Amino acid sequence: MGKRCACNTTLKTYCNKRKMAQSRQVTCIQKPHPTDPHERISHLGGSWGKLSEETIMAQINSKEFEYFVHHPGLLPVKVIIASHNGRRYLKTETDYIRADNLLRLPQCP
Protein backbone atom coordinates (compact mmCIF):
# COMPACT_ATOMS: atom_id res chain seq x y z
CA MET A 1 0.00 0.00 0.00
CA GLY A 2 1.95 2.99 -1.24
CA LYS A 3 1.32 6.66 -0.63
CA ARG A 4 0.32 8.99 -3.42
CA CYS A 5 1.28 12.60 -3.89
CA ALA A 6 -1.79 14.81 -4.22
CA CYS A 7 -0.88 17.33 -6.89
CA ASN A 8 -2.40 20.35 -8.52
CA THR A 9 -0.90 22.02 -11.59
CA THR A 10 1.38 24.38 -9.66
CA LEU A 11 2.84 21.50 -7.64
CA LYS A 12 3.15 19.01 -10.50
CA THR A 13 6.92 19.42 -10.96
CA TYR A 14 7.53 19.09 -7.22
CA CYS A 15 5.35 15.99 -6.95
CA ASN A 16 6.96 14.32 -9.94
CA LYS A 17 10.38 14.69 -8.29
CA ARG A 18 9.20 13.70 -4.81
CA LYS A 19 9.61 10.03 -3.99
CA MET A 20 6.98 8.57 -1.67
CA ALA A 21 7.81 5.51 0.40
CA GLN A 22 5.74 2.35 0.17
CA SER A 23 4.58 0.88 3.51
CA ARG A 24 5.41 -2.66 4.61
CA GLN A 25 4.09 -4.36 7.74
CA VAL A 26 6.67 -6.24 9.81
CA THR A 27 5.22 -9.47 11.21
CA CYS A 28 8.35 -11.36 12.30
CA ILE A 29 11.96 -10.88 13.33
CA GLN A 30 15.09 -13.00 13.18
CA LYS A 31 17.81 -13.16 15.83
CA PRO A 32 20.56 -15.80 15.80
CA HIS A 33 19.80 -16.64 19.46
CA PRO A 34 16.09 -15.82 19.99
CA THR A 35 16.14 -16.16 23.79
CA ASP A 36 18.94 -13.60 24.31
CA PRO A 37 17.16 -10.29 25.08
CA HIS A 38 20.31 -8.23 24.37
CA GLU A 39 21.14 -9.68 20.97
CA ARG A 40 20.51 -7.57 17.88
CA ILE A 41 17.72 -8.29 15.45
CA SER A 42 19.39 -9.39 12.20
CA HIS A 43 16.34 -9.53 9.87
CA LEU A 44 12.75 -8.30 9.67
CA GLY A 45 10.06 -10.11 7.72
CA GLY A 46 6.50 -9.94 6.48
CA SER A 47 4.31 -10.97 3.56
CA TRP A 48 6.89 -9.19 1.36
CA GLY A 49 9.69 -11.59 2.42
CA LYS A 50 12.60 -11.29 4.85
CA LEU A 51 15.37 -8.68 4.65
CA SER A 52 18.52 -7.92 6.63
CA GLU A 53 18.69 -5.03 9.05
CA GLU A 54 21.23 -3.28 6.77
CA THR A 55 18.96 -3.57 3.72
CA ILE A 56 15.97 -2.21 5.63
CA MET A 57 18.01 0.72 6.97
CA ALA A 58 19.11 1.56 3.41
CA GLN A 59 15.48 1.43 2.20
CA ILE A 60 14.31 3.66 5.06
CA ASN A 61 17.12 6.17 4.38
CA SER A 62 16.34 6.26 0.65
CA LYS A 63 12.61 6.64 1.41
CA GLU A 64 11.94 3.67 -0.88
CA PHE A 65 10.01 1.86 1.87
CA GLU A 66 8.77 2.55 5.36
CA TYR A 67 8.10 -0.24 7.82
CA PHE A 68 5.58 -0.54 10.64
CA VAL A 69 4.47 -2.97 13.35
CA HIS A 70 0.80 -3.46 14.14
CA HIS A 71 -0.28 -5.44 17.19
CA PRO A 72 -4.02 -6.26 17.48
CA GLY A 73 -5.94 -3.58 19.35
CA LEU A 74 -3.16 -1.00 19.06
CA LEU A 75 -2.28 1.64 16.50
CA PRO A 76 0.51 0.83 14.02
CA VAL A 77 3.95 2.12 15.01
CA LYS A 78 6.66 3.08 12.55
CA VAL A 79 10.05 1.32 12.45
CA ILE A 80 12.87 3.87 12.67
CA ILE A 81 16.67 3.90 12.77
CA ALA A 82 18.20 4.68 16.15
CA SER A 83 21.79 4.86 17.35
CA HIS A 84 23.50 3.77 20.56
CA ASN A 85 27.23 4.27 21.15
CA GLY A 86 27.64 5.01 17.43
CA ARG A 87 25.98 1.78 16.31
CA ARG A 88 22.76 2.01 14.31
CA TYR A 89 19.83 -0.35 14.89
CA LEU A 90 16.11 -0.65 14.16
CA LYS A 91 13.38 0.08 16.68
CA THR A 92 9.86 1.44 16.66
CA GLU A 93 8.78 4.98 17.44
CA THR A 94 7.60 5.45 21.00
CA ASP A 95 3.95 4.54 21.35
CA TYR A 96 3.86 4.95 25.17
CA ILE A 97 2.35 1.46 25.48
CA ARG A 98 5.06 -1.06 24.62
CA ALA A 99 8.80 -0.59 24.81
CA ASP A 100 9.64 -3.60 22.65
CA ASN A 101 7.23 -3.72 19.71
CA LEU A 102 9.75 -5.50 17.46
CA LEU A 103 10.94 -7.95 20.12
CA ARG A 104 7.35 -9.06 20.79
CA LEU A 105 7.07 -10.37 17.22
CA PRO A 106 7.61 -14.07 16.55
CA GLN A 107 10.76 -15.44 14.94
CA CYS A 108 10.62 -15.60 11.13
CA PRO A 109 10.49 -19.11 9.66
Foldseek 3Di string as FASTA:
>chain_A
DWDADDDDPVCVVVRVPDDAAGEDEWQAWAFPDLVDPPGATQWTDDPVGIDGFVVVQVCVVVNNHWYWYDDPPDDIWTWDWDDDPRDIGIQTDDPVPDRHRHSPHHHDD
